[in-house]
N, C-alpha and C. Protein backbone atom coordinates (compact mmCIF):
# COMPACT_ATOMS: atom_id res chain seq x y z
N UNK A 1 -5.92 -6.04 -6.56
CA UNK A 1 -4.62 -5.76 -5.95
C UNK A 1 -4.80 -4.79 -4.79
N UNK A 2 -3.94 -4.95 -3.78
CA UNK A 2 -3.99 -4.12 -2.58
C UNK A 2 -2.64 -3.43 -2.41
N UNK A 3 -2.68 -2.14 -2.08
CA UNK A 3 -1.44 -1.40 -1.81
C UNK A 3 -1.03 -1.65 -0.36
N UNK A 4 0.24 -1.98 -0.16
CA UNK A 4 0.79 -2.15 1.18
C UNK A 4 1.93 -1.15 1.33
N UNK A 5 1.82 -0.30 2.35
CA UNK A 5 2.89 0.66 2.64
C UNK A 5 3.91 -0.04 3.53
N UNK A 6 5.16 -0.03 3.10
CA UNK A 6 6.24 -0.66 3.84
C UNK A 6 7.06 0.44 4.51
N UNK A 7 7.10 0.44 5.84
CA UNK A 7 7.88 1.40 6.61
C UNK A 7 9.21 0.73 6.96
N UNK A 8 10.31 1.39 6.63
CA UNK A 8 11.61 0.76 6.87
C UNK A 8 12.65 1.78 7.32
N UNK A 9 13.69 1.28 8.00
CA UNK A 9 14.81 2.09 8.47
C UNK A 9 16.04 1.75 7.66
N UNK A 10 16.71 2.79 7.17
CA UNK A 10 17.98 2.62 6.47
C UNK A 10 19.08 3.01 7.45
N UNK A 11 19.88 2.03 7.86
CA UNK A 11 20.99 2.26 8.79
C UNK A 11 22.24 2.56 7.96
N UNK A 12 22.74 3.79 8.08
CA UNK A 12 23.94 4.17 7.33
C UNK A 12 25.19 3.90 8.16
N UNK A 13 26.31 3.75 7.49
CA UNK A 13 27.56 3.42 8.17
C UNK A 13 28.01 4.51 9.14
N UNK A 14 27.61 5.76 8.90
CA UNK A 14 28.01 6.85 9.79
C UNK A 14 27.11 6.95 11.02
N UNK A 15 26.16 6.03 11.16
CA UNK A 15 25.30 6.00 12.34
C UNK A 15 23.93 6.62 12.13
N UNK A 16 23.73 7.34 11.04
CA UNK A 16 22.42 7.93 10.76
C UNK A 16 21.41 6.84 10.43
N UNK A 17 20.16 7.08 10.82
CA UNK A 17 19.06 6.17 10.49
C UNK A 17 17.99 6.98 9.79
N UNK A 18 17.69 6.59 8.55
CA UNK A 18 16.64 7.25 7.77
C UNK A 18 15.37 6.41 7.88
N UNK A 19 14.26 7.04 8.22
CA UNK A 19 12.98 6.35 8.28
C UNK A 19 12.21 6.67 7.00
N UNK A 20 12.03 5.65 6.15
CA UNK A 20 11.43 5.84 4.84
C UNK A 20 10.23 4.91 4.66
N UNK A 21 9.52 5.11 3.54
CA UNK A 21 8.38 4.27 3.19
C UNK A 21 8.43 3.93 1.71
N UNK A 22 7.87 2.79 1.38
CA UNK A 22 7.74 2.37 -0.01
C UNK A 22 6.39 1.68 -0.18
N UNK A 23 6.08 1.31 -1.42
CA UNK A 23 4.79 0.73 -1.73
C UNK A 23 4.97 -0.59 -2.48
N UNK A 24 4.22 -1.61 -2.05
CA UNK A 24 4.22 -2.92 -2.70
C UNK A 24 2.77 -3.29 -2.96
N UNK A 25 2.51 -3.86 -4.13
CA UNK A 25 1.17 -4.32 -4.48
C UNK A 25 1.09 -5.83 -4.20
N UNK A 26 0.02 -6.24 -3.49
CA UNK A 26 -0.18 -7.66 -3.19
C UNK A 26 -1.63 -8.04 -3.47
N UNK A 27 -1.91 -9.30 -3.31
CA UNK A 27 -3.29 -9.75 -3.40
C UNK A 27 -4.02 -9.43 -2.10
N UNK A 28 -5.34 -9.47 -2.10
CA UNK A 28 -6.10 -9.19 -0.88
C UNK A 28 -5.72 -10.12 0.26
N UNK A 29 -5.45 -9.53 1.43
CA UNK A 29 -5.11 -10.32 2.62
C UNK A 29 -3.71 -10.89 2.63
N UNK A 30 -2.89 -10.58 1.65
CA UNK A 30 -1.53 -11.12 1.59
C UNK A 30 -0.53 -10.12 2.15
N UNK A 31 0.51 -10.66 2.76
CA UNK A 31 1.63 -9.87 3.22
C UNK A 31 2.70 -9.89 2.12
N UNK A 32 3.40 -8.77 1.88
CA UNK A 32 4.44 -8.78 0.85
C UNK A 32 5.52 -9.82 1.16
N UNK A 33 5.98 -10.48 0.12
CA UNK A 33 7.05 -11.46 0.29
C UNK A 33 8.39 -10.75 0.43
N UNK A 34 9.38 -11.49 0.88
CA UNK A 34 10.72 -10.93 1.03
C UNK A 34 11.26 -10.44 -0.31
N UNK A 35 10.96 -11.14 -1.40
CA UNK A 35 11.45 -10.72 -2.72
C UNK A 35 10.69 -9.51 -3.24
N UNK A 36 9.40 -9.38 -2.92
CA UNK A 36 8.65 -8.19 -3.33
C UNK A 36 9.22 -6.94 -2.66
N UNK A 37 9.55 -7.05 -1.38
CA UNK A 37 10.14 -5.91 -0.67
C UNK A 37 11.53 -5.62 -1.21
N UNK A 38 12.30 -6.66 -1.51
CA UNK A 38 13.63 -6.47 -2.09
C UNK A 38 13.53 -5.74 -3.44
N UNK A 39 12.57 -6.12 -4.27
CA UNK A 39 12.37 -5.44 -5.56
C UNK A 39 11.97 -3.98 -5.36
N UNK A 40 11.14 -3.71 -4.34
CA UNK A 40 10.76 -2.34 -4.04
C UNK A 40 11.99 -1.52 -3.67
N UNK A 41 12.86 -2.09 -2.81
CA UNK A 41 14.07 -1.39 -2.39
C UNK A 41 15.01 -1.16 -3.58
N UNK A 42 15.13 -2.15 -4.45
CA UNK A 42 15.98 -2.00 -5.63
C UNK A 42 15.44 -0.91 -6.57
N UNK A 43 14.11 -0.79 -6.65
CA UNK A 43 13.53 0.27 -7.49
C UNK A 43 13.80 1.66 -6.90
N UNK A 44 14.16 1.69 -5.61
CA UNK A 44 14.51 2.94 -4.94
C UNK A 44 16.03 3.14 -4.92
N UNK A 45 16.74 2.38 -5.75
CA UNK A 45 18.21 2.44 -5.89
C UNK A 45 18.97 1.92 -4.69
N UNK A 46 18.36 1.07 -3.88
CA UNK A 46 19.08 0.36 -2.82
C UNK A 46 19.40 -1.03 -3.35
N UNK A 47 20.64 -1.27 -3.70
CA UNK A 47 21.05 -2.57 -4.22
C UNK A 47 21.34 -3.48 -3.04
N UNK A 48 20.32 -4.23 -2.64
CA UNK A 48 20.40 -5.04 -1.43
C UNK A 48 20.03 -6.49 -1.71
N UNK A 49 20.32 -7.31 -0.73
CA UNK A 49 19.90 -8.71 -0.75
C UNK A 49 19.41 -9.05 0.64
N UNK A 50 18.49 -10.00 0.74
CA UNK A 50 17.91 -10.37 2.04
C UNK A 50 18.95 -11.09 2.89
N UNK A 51 19.10 -10.63 4.12
CA UNK A 51 19.99 -11.29 5.08
C UNK A 51 19.17 -12.17 6.01
N UNK A 52 18.02 -11.66 6.43
CA UNK A 52 17.14 -12.38 7.35
C UNK A 52 15.72 -12.30 6.80
N UNK A 53 15.30 -13.36 6.12
CA UNK A 53 13.99 -13.33 5.46
C UNK A 53 12.84 -13.43 6.45
N UNK A 54 13.09 -13.86 7.65
CA UNK A 54 12.03 -13.95 8.65
C UNK A 54 11.69 -12.58 9.23
N UNK A 55 12.71 -11.72 9.35
CA UNK A 55 12.52 -10.40 9.96
C UNK A 55 12.65 -9.26 8.96
N UNK A 56 12.74 -9.58 7.67
CA UNK A 56 12.82 -8.57 6.61
C UNK A 56 14.01 -7.62 6.85
N UNK A 57 15.20 -8.19 6.93
CA UNK A 57 16.43 -7.42 7.07
C UNK A 57 17.25 -7.60 5.80
N UNK A 58 17.74 -6.49 5.27
CA UNK A 58 18.48 -6.50 4.00
C UNK A 58 19.85 -5.87 4.22
N UNK A 59 20.84 -6.37 3.48
CA UNK A 59 22.20 -5.82 3.52
C UNK A 59 22.61 -5.48 2.09
N UNK A 60 23.62 -4.60 1.94
CA UNK A 60 24.06 -4.23 0.60
C UNK A 60 24.56 -5.44 -0.19
N UNK A 61 24.24 -5.46 -1.47
CA UNK A 61 24.70 -6.54 -2.34
C UNK A 61 26.16 -6.34 -2.72
N UNK A 62 26.64 -5.11 -2.62
CA UNK A 62 28.03 -4.79 -2.97
C UNK A 62 28.70 -4.12 -1.78
N UNK A 63 30.00 -4.34 -1.64
CA UNK A 63 30.77 -3.70 -0.57
C UNK A 63 31.01 -2.24 -0.92
N UNK A 64 31.24 -1.44 0.14
CA UNK A 64 31.60 -0.05 -0.08
C UNK A 64 30.45 0.92 -0.21
N UNK A 65 29.24 0.51 0.13
CA UNK A 65 28.10 1.44 0.05
C UNK A 65 27.94 2.16 1.39
N UNK A 66 27.18 3.23 1.37
CA UNK A 66 26.93 3.99 2.60
C UNK A 66 25.94 3.27 3.52
N UNK A 67 25.16 2.36 2.96
CA UNK A 67 24.13 1.66 3.74
C UNK A 67 24.74 0.45 4.44
N UNK A 68 24.48 0.34 5.74
CA UNK A 68 24.93 -0.81 6.52
C UNK A 68 23.89 -1.93 6.47
N UNK A 69 22.62 -1.55 6.69
CA UNK A 69 21.52 -2.52 6.59
C UNK A 69 20.20 -1.76 6.49
N UNK A 70 19.17 -2.47 6.04
CA UNK A 70 17.81 -1.93 5.97
C UNK A 70 16.90 -2.91 6.70
N UNK A 71 16.11 -2.37 7.62
CA UNK A 71 15.18 -3.19 8.40
C UNK A 71 13.76 -2.68 8.20
N UNK A 72 12.86 -3.60 7.89
CA UNK A 72 11.45 -3.24 7.77
C UNK A 72 10.87 -3.16 9.19
N UNK A 73 10.20 -2.03 9.50
CA UNK A 73 9.56 -1.85 10.81
C UNK A 73 8.15 -2.38 10.83
N UNK A 74 7.38 -2.01 9.80
CA UNK A 74 5.99 -2.47 9.74
C UNK A 74 5.48 -2.35 8.32
N UNK A 75 4.37 -3.03 8.07
CA UNK A 75 3.69 -2.98 6.78
C UNK A 75 2.21 -2.71 7.06
N UNK A 76 1.61 -1.84 6.24
CA UNK A 76 0.24 -1.40 6.50
C UNK A 76 -0.55 -1.39 5.19
N UNK A 77 -1.66 -2.14 5.15
CA UNK A 77 -2.48 -2.17 3.94
C UNK A 77 -3.74 -1.31 4.08
N UNK A 78 -3.81 -0.49 5.13
CA UNK A 78 -4.97 0.37 5.35
C UNK A 78 -6.01 -0.26 6.25
N UNK A 79 -6.07 -1.57 6.28
CA UNK A 79 -7.02 -2.27 7.13
C UNK A 79 -6.31 -3.01 8.26
N UNK A 80 -5.10 -3.45 7.96
CA UNK A 80 -4.35 -4.26 8.92
C UNK A 80 -2.90 -3.80 8.89
N UNK A 81 -2.27 -3.82 10.07
CA UNK A 81 -0.87 -3.44 10.17
C UNK A 81 -0.07 -4.65 10.62
N UNK A 82 1.01 -4.94 9.90
CA UNK A 82 1.89 -6.06 10.23
C UNK A 82 3.17 -5.48 10.80
N UNK A 83 3.45 -5.77 12.08
CA UNK A 83 4.69 -5.29 12.68
C UNK A 83 5.75 -6.39 12.61
N UNK A 84 6.96 -5.97 12.38
CA UNK A 84 8.09 -6.88 12.38
C UNK A 84 8.89 -6.57 13.64
N UNK A 85 8.61 -7.26 14.73
CA UNK A 85 9.29 -7.02 16.00
C UNK A 85 10.04 -8.29 16.39
N UNK A 86 11.34 -8.33 16.15
CA UNK A 86 12.10 -9.56 16.41
C UNK A 86 12.09 -9.97 17.87
N UNK A 87 12.05 -9.01 18.79
CA UNK A 87 12.05 -9.35 20.21
C UNK A 87 10.74 -10.01 20.61
N UNK A 88 9.62 -9.45 20.14
CA UNK A 88 8.32 -10.04 20.46
C UNK A 88 8.19 -11.42 19.83
N UNK A 89 8.67 -11.56 18.61
CA UNK A 89 8.58 -12.84 17.93
C UNK A 89 9.38 -13.91 18.68
N UNK A 90 10.56 -13.54 19.18
CA UNK A 90 11.41 -14.47 19.93
C UNK A 90 10.70 -14.91 21.22
N UNK A 91 10.06 -13.95 21.90
CA UNK A 91 9.35 -14.28 23.14
C UNK A 91 8.22 -15.26 22.86
N UNK A 92 7.44 -14.97 21.82
CA UNK A 92 6.31 -15.85 21.47
C UNK A 92 6.80 -17.24 21.09
N UNK A 93 7.88 -17.31 20.30
CA UNK A 93 8.41 -18.62 19.90
C UNK A 93 8.89 -19.41 21.11
N UNK A 94 9.53 -18.74 22.06
CA UNK A 94 9.99 -19.43 23.26
C UNK A 94 8.83 -19.95 24.09
N UNK A 95 7.77 -19.16 24.21
CA UNK A 95 6.61 -19.59 24.98
C UNK A 95 5.86 -20.71 24.29
N UNK A 96 5.71 -20.61 22.97
CA UNK A 96 4.97 -21.63 22.22
C UNK A 96 5.74 -22.94 22.11
N UNK A 97 7.06 -22.87 22.16
CA UNK A 97 7.88 -24.05 21.95
C UNK A 97 7.99 -24.95 23.17
N UNK A 98 7.60 -24.44 24.35
CA UNK A 98 7.73 -25.24 25.57
C UNK A 98 6.47 -26.08 25.78
N UNK A 99 6.67 -27.36 26.11
CA UNK A 99 5.50 -28.20 26.38
C UNK A 99 4.85 -27.79 27.70
N UNK A 100 3.56 -28.06 27.81
CA UNK A 100 2.84 -27.74 29.04
C UNK A 100 3.29 -28.73 30.12
N UNK A 101 3.72 -28.19 31.23
CA UNK A 101 4.18 -29.05 32.32
C UNK A 101 3.32 -28.81 33.56
N UNK A 102 2.98 -29.86 34.28
CA UNK A 102 2.23 -29.64 35.52
C UNK A 102 3.11 -28.97 36.55
N UNK A 103 2.49 -28.19 37.40
CA UNK A 103 3.25 -27.49 38.43
C UNK A 103 3.52 -28.40 39.54
C-alpha cells in the first residue's frame, strides 16, 4: 500500500477558503478514486458527495452547512504529484480533440 497526501480547499459560504490535507491509501502507482477521496472527507466530518468526478469537486450532501464546496488541488505519493487543474485539462482536451489539418 502507498500513502497519498490529498491537498484540498474547503470553500466556506462566508468566502473563507481553508487549505487542508488528508491521507488515502492506494496500491502502488494508483491515483485515489473519487470514492476513496469522498470517504477520506467523510472521515474528517465533511458530509459531501461528488459533484464533478473528473476534477474531484465535492458539495455538501445536506443543505444548510457552512461548506459551499471542496476542491482537490493536488495529490502526492512522495514520488509523483498529480495536479487537478481544470483549466489546463480543458486546454489539453481542446488541442487533442482537433484533427490535424494542413495549413
